[in-house]
N, C-alpha and C. Protein backbone atom coordinates (compact mmCIF):
# COMPACT_ATOMS: atom_id res chain seq x y z
N MET A 1 99.95 38.13 86.55
CA MET A 1 99.19 37.44 87.55
C MET A 1 100.06 36.37 88.19
N ALA A 2 100.09 36.34 89.51
CA ALA A 2 100.90 35.37 90.23
C ALA A 2 100.15 34.05 90.33
N VAL A 3 100.88 32.98 90.13
CA VAL A 3 100.30 31.65 90.22
C VAL A 3 100.89 30.97 91.45
N TYR A 4 100.04 30.53 92.36
CA TYR A 4 100.49 29.88 93.58
C TYR A 4 100.21 28.39 93.49
N ASN A 5 101.14 27.61 94.01
CA ASN A 5 100.95 26.18 94.11
C ASN A 5 100.36 25.88 95.49
N LEU A 6 99.06 25.67 95.54
CA LEU A 6 98.38 25.48 96.80
C LEU A 6 98.23 24.01 97.19
N THR A 7 98.78 23.09 96.40
CA THR A 7 98.62 21.67 96.72
C THR A 7 99.41 21.28 97.95
N ASP A 8 100.58 21.87 98.15
CA ASP A 8 101.39 21.54 99.32
C ASP A 8 100.80 22.13 100.60
N ILE A 9 100.08 23.22 100.49
CA ILE A 9 99.53 23.87 101.67
C ILE A 9 98.41 23.02 102.27
N ALA A 10 97.54 22.48 101.45
CA ALA A 10 96.39 21.75 101.95
C ALA A 10 96.69 20.29 102.28
N ASN A 11 97.83 19.80 101.92
CA ASN A 11 98.19 18.40 102.16
C ASN A 11 98.88 18.28 103.51
N VAL A 12 98.11 18.42 104.59
CA VAL A 12 98.67 18.42 105.94
C VAL A 12 97.84 17.53 106.85
N THR A 13 98.36 17.32 108.07
CA THR A 13 97.64 16.49 109.03
C THR A 13 97.08 17.27 110.20
N GLY A 14 97.51 18.52 110.39
CA GLY A 14 97.03 19.30 111.54
C GLY A 14 96.93 20.78 111.22
N VAL A 15 96.36 21.52 112.16
CA VAL A 15 96.15 22.95 111.97
C VAL A 15 97.48 23.70 111.99
N LEU A 16 98.38 23.33 112.90
CA LEU A 16 99.67 24.01 112.99
C LEU A 16 100.46 23.86 111.70
N GLU A 17 100.48 22.68 111.15
CA GLU A 17 101.19 22.45 109.89
C GLU A 17 100.56 23.25 108.75
N PHE A 18 99.24 23.37 108.76
CA PHE A 18 98.56 24.17 107.75
C PHE A 18 98.95 25.65 107.86
N VAL A 19 98.96 26.17 109.08
CA VAL A 19 99.33 27.58 109.28
C VAL A 19 100.80 27.80 108.91
N GLN A 20 101.66 26.88 109.23
CA GLN A 20 103.07 27.00 108.85
C GLN A 20 103.24 26.95 107.33
N ASN A 21 102.46 26.13 106.67
CA ASN A 21 102.53 26.08 105.21
C ASN A 21 101.99 27.36 104.57
N VAL A 22 100.93 27.93 105.15
CA VAL A 22 100.43 29.21 104.65
C VAL A 22 101.49 30.29 104.87
N ASN A 23 102.16 30.24 106.01
CA ASN A 23 103.20 31.22 106.32
C ASN A 23 104.33 31.16 105.31
N THR A 24 104.78 29.97 104.98
CA THR A 24 105.90 29.86 104.05
C THR A 24 105.47 29.93 102.59
N GLY A 25 104.32 29.34 102.28
CA GLY A 25 103.91 29.26 100.88
C GLY A 25 103.27 30.51 100.33
N LEU A 26 102.43 31.16 101.11
CA LEU A 26 101.70 32.33 100.62
C LEU A 26 102.23 33.65 101.15
N MET A 27 102.68 33.66 102.39
CA MET A 27 103.01 34.92 103.04
C MET A 27 104.50 35.22 103.09
N ASN A 28 105.33 34.34 102.55
CA ASN A 28 106.79 34.53 102.53
C ASN A 28 107.34 34.78 103.93
N ASP A 29 106.92 34.00 104.90
CA ASP A 29 107.34 34.06 106.29
C ASP A 29 107.00 35.37 106.98
N LEU A 30 105.93 36.02 106.57
CA LEU A 30 105.52 37.28 107.18
C LEU A 30 104.19 37.20 107.92
N LEU A 31 103.58 36.05 108.01
CA LEU A 31 102.30 35.93 108.68
C LEU A 31 102.41 36.29 110.15
N GLY A 32 103.40 35.76 110.83
CA GLY A 32 103.59 36.06 112.25
C GLY A 32 103.95 37.51 112.48
N VAL A 33 104.73 38.08 111.58
CA VAL A 33 105.11 39.50 111.71
C VAL A 33 103.87 40.38 111.56
N PHE A 34 103.01 40.06 110.62
CA PHE A 34 101.77 40.83 110.47
C PHE A 34 100.85 40.66 111.68
N ILE A 35 100.83 39.47 112.26
CA ILE A 35 100.04 39.26 113.47
C ILE A 35 100.59 40.12 114.60
N LEU A 36 101.91 40.14 114.77
CA LEU A 36 102.52 40.96 115.81
C LEU A 36 102.24 42.45 115.60
N LEU A 37 102.38 42.91 114.37
CA LEU A 37 102.12 44.32 114.09
C LEU A 37 100.66 44.68 114.35
N SER A 38 99.76 43.83 113.94
CA SER A 38 98.33 44.10 114.15
C SER A 38 97.98 44.14 115.63
N VAL A 39 98.46 43.17 116.38
CA VAL A 39 98.20 43.14 117.81
C VAL A 39 98.83 44.35 118.49
N GLY A 40 100.04 44.70 118.09
CA GLY A 40 100.72 45.85 118.67
C GLY A 40 99.99 47.16 118.43
N ILE A 41 99.50 47.36 117.22
CA ILE A 41 98.78 48.59 116.89
C ILE A 41 97.48 48.67 117.69
N VAL A 42 96.74 47.58 117.75
CA VAL A 42 95.48 47.58 118.50
C VAL A 42 95.74 47.81 119.98
N LEU A 43 96.76 47.15 120.53
CA LEU A 43 97.05 47.30 121.95
C LEU A 43 97.49 48.71 122.30
N ILE A 44 98.39 49.28 121.53
CA ILE A 44 98.88 50.62 121.88
C ILE A 44 97.77 51.66 121.75
N MET A 45 96.91 51.50 120.76
CA MET A 45 95.78 52.42 120.64
C MET A 45 94.82 52.26 121.81
N GLY A 46 94.53 51.04 122.19
CA GLY A 46 93.61 50.80 123.30
C GLY A 46 94.18 51.26 124.63
N PHE A 47 95.44 50.94 124.90
CA PHE A 47 96.05 51.38 126.15
C PHE A 47 96.16 52.90 126.22
N HIS A 48 96.56 53.51 125.13
CA HIS A 48 96.70 54.98 125.14
C HIS A 48 95.34 55.65 125.26
N TRP A 49 94.32 55.10 124.64
CA TRP A 49 92.99 55.68 124.73
C TRP A 49 92.44 55.59 126.15
N SER A 50 92.72 54.48 126.84
CA SER A 50 92.14 54.30 128.18
C SER A 50 92.96 54.96 129.28
N THR A 51 94.28 55.09 129.13
CA THR A 51 95.10 55.61 130.22
C THR A 51 95.68 57.00 129.94
N ARG A 52 95.81 57.39 128.71
CA ARG A 52 96.45 58.64 128.30
C ARG A 52 97.90 58.75 128.80
N ASP A 53 98.54 57.61 129.00
CA ASP A 53 99.93 57.55 129.43
C ASP A 53 100.72 56.81 128.35
N ILE A 54 101.49 57.56 127.56
CA ILE A 54 102.16 56.94 126.42
C ILE A 54 103.29 56.01 126.85
N LYS A 55 104.03 56.36 127.93
CA LYS A 55 105.11 55.49 128.38
C LYS A 55 104.57 54.15 128.87
N GLY A 56 103.52 54.21 129.67
CA GLY A 56 102.91 52.97 130.15
C GLY A 56 102.29 52.16 129.04
N SER A 57 101.73 52.85 128.06
CA SER A 57 101.12 52.14 126.93
C SER A 57 102.17 51.42 126.11
N ILE A 58 103.27 52.09 125.86
CA ILE A 58 104.36 51.46 125.09
C ILE A 58 104.96 50.30 125.87
N LEU A 59 105.13 50.48 127.18
CA LEU A 59 105.69 49.41 128.00
C LEU A 59 104.80 48.18 128.02
N ALA A 60 103.52 48.37 128.24
CA ALA A 60 102.60 47.23 128.28
C ALA A 60 102.49 46.55 126.91
N THR A 61 102.41 47.36 125.87
CA THR A 61 102.31 46.79 124.52
C THR A 61 103.56 46.02 124.15
N SER A 62 104.73 46.58 124.45
CA SER A 62 105.97 45.89 124.08
C SER A 62 106.13 44.59 124.85
N PHE A 63 105.71 44.57 126.12
CA PHE A 63 105.83 43.33 126.89
C PHE A 63 104.88 42.26 126.35
N ILE A 64 103.65 42.64 126.06
CA ILE A 64 102.69 41.67 125.53
C ILE A 64 103.14 41.17 124.16
N CYS A 65 103.65 42.05 123.32
CA CYS A 65 104.14 41.63 122.01
C CYS A 65 105.37 40.75 122.12
N PHE A 66 106.22 40.99 123.14
CA PHE A 66 107.37 40.12 123.34
C PHE A 66 106.94 38.72 123.74
N VAL A 67 105.98 38.62 124.64
CA VAL A 67 105.48 37.30 125.05
C VAL A 67 104.82 36.60 123.86
N LEU A 68 104.05 37.35 123.08
CA LEU A 68 103.43 36.78 121.89
C LEU A 68 104.49 36.34 120.87
N SER A 69 105.58 37.10 120.76
CA SER A 69 106.63 36.71 119.82
C SER A 69 107.35 35.44 120.28
N LEU A 70 107.46 35.23 121.58
CA LEU A 70 108.02 33.96 122.07
C LEU A 70 107.15 32.79 121.64
N ILE A 71 105.85 32.96 121.76
CA ILE A 71 104.92 31.89 121.37
C ILE A 71 104.98 31.66 119.86
N LEU A 72 104.97 32.75 119.09
CA LEU A 72 105.00 32.61 117.63
C LEU A 72 106.33 32.04 117.16
N ARG A 73 107.43 32.34 117.86
CA ARG A 73 108.73 31.76 117.49
C ARG A 73 108.74 30.26 117.80
N ALA A 74 108.12 29.88 118.91
CA ALA A 74 108.05 28.45 119.25
C ALA A 74 107.25 27.68 118.21
N LEU A 75 106.25 28.35 117.62
CA LEU A 75 105.45 27.73 116.56
C LEU A 75 106.10 27.87 115.19
N ASP A 76 107.24 28.52 115.12
CA ASP A 76 108.01 28.73 113.89
C ASP A 76 107.22 29.58 112.89
N LEU A 77 106.59 30.64 113.40
CA LEU A 77 105.83 31.54 112.52
C LEU A 77 106.52 32.89 112.31
N ILE A 78 107.54 33.19 113.11
CA ILE A 78 108.29 34.43 112.91
C ILE A 78 109.78 34.08 112.88
N PRO A 79 110.59 34.90 112.22
CA PRO A 79 112.03 34.65 112.23
C PRO A 79 112.67 35.12 113.53
N ASN A 80 113.92 34.75 113.73
CA ASN A 80 114.64 35.14 114.94
C ASN A 80 114.79 36.65 115.03
N LEU A 81 114.90 37.32 113.91
CA LEU A 81 115.07 38.77 113.91
C LEU A 81 113.85 39.48 114.50
N ALA A 82 112.66 38.98 114.25
CA ALA A 82 111.45 39.58 114.82
C ALA A 82 111.42 39.39 116.33
N LEU A 83 111.85 38.24 116.81
CA LEU A 83 111.93 38.01 118.25
C LEU A 83 112.95 38.94 118.88
N LEU A 84 114.09 39.11 118.25
CA LEU A 84 115.11 40.01 118.75
C LEU A 84 114.63 41.46 118.75
N ALA A 85 113.91 41.86 117.72
CA ALA A 85 113.37 43.22 117.66
C ALA A 85 112.38 43.46 118.78
N CYS A 86 111.52 42.49 119.06
CA CYS A 86 110.56 42.63 120.16
C CYS A 86 111.28 42.71 121.51
N LEU A 87 112.33 41.94 121.67
CA LEU A 87 113.11 41.98 122.91
C LEU A 87 113.77 43.34 123.09
N ILE A 88 114.34 43.89 122.03
CA ILE A 88 115.01 45.18 122.12
C ILE A 88 114.00 46.29 122.39
N ILE A 89 112.86 46.26 121.73
CA ILE A 89 111.82 47.27 121.96
C ILE A 89 111.32 47.19 123.40
N CYS A 90 111.16 46.00 123.92
CA CYS A 90 110.72 45.83 125.30
C CYS A 90 111.78 46.36 126.27
N ALA A 91 113.04 46.08 126.02
CA ALA A 91 114.12 46.56 126.89
C ALA A 91 114.23 48.08 126.86
N VAL A 92 114.09 48.66 125.68
CA VAL A 92 114.14 50.13 125.56
C VAL A 92 112.94 50.76 126.26
N ALA A 93 111.77 50.15 126.15
CA ALA A 93 110.58 50.68 126.84
C ALA A 93 110.74 50.61 128.35
N ILE A 94 111.33 49.54 128.84
CA ILE A 94 111.58 49.43 130.28
C ILE A 94 112.59 50.49 130.72
N ALA A 95 113.63 50.69 129.93
CA ALA A 95 114.65 51.69 130.28
C ALA A 95 114.07 53.11 130.30
N PHE A 96 113.23 53.43 129.35
CA PHE A 96 112.67 54.79 129.30
C PHE A 96 111.59 55.02 130.35
N SER A 97 110.94 53.98 130.81
CA SER A 97 109.89 54.17 131.80
C SER A 97 110.40 53.99 133.23
N TRP A 98 111.69 53.72 133.41
CA TRP A 98 112.27 53.54 134.72
C TRP A 98 112.29 54.86 135.47
N LYS A 99 111.77 54.86 136.69
CA LYS A 99 111.75 56.07 137.52
C LYS A 99 112.80 55.97 138.60
N GLN A 100 113.56 57.05 138.77
CA GLN A 100 114.62 57.05 139.79
C GLN A 100 114.24 57.88 140.98
């Protein structure tokens, strides 16, 4: 059974500090990554269900996830690697959906 020290998590002055402490203390810096994955899965399913266009769905989802990753990185909830991965996925989606 894992024992967590939750005293440092609750000893905060604001909501952002609490979420950052949960991210580092309980989630091992994966809270923002799980948020990005969850939003990405819901978005791609919703876009694909409504448009039936997989290229457009991937493009829209990757752009929204990239913007969300910028916000989460500014809040220090995701590592730099997750931001870079979102940027690369967005760039690849733009390249594949480019029409000549």
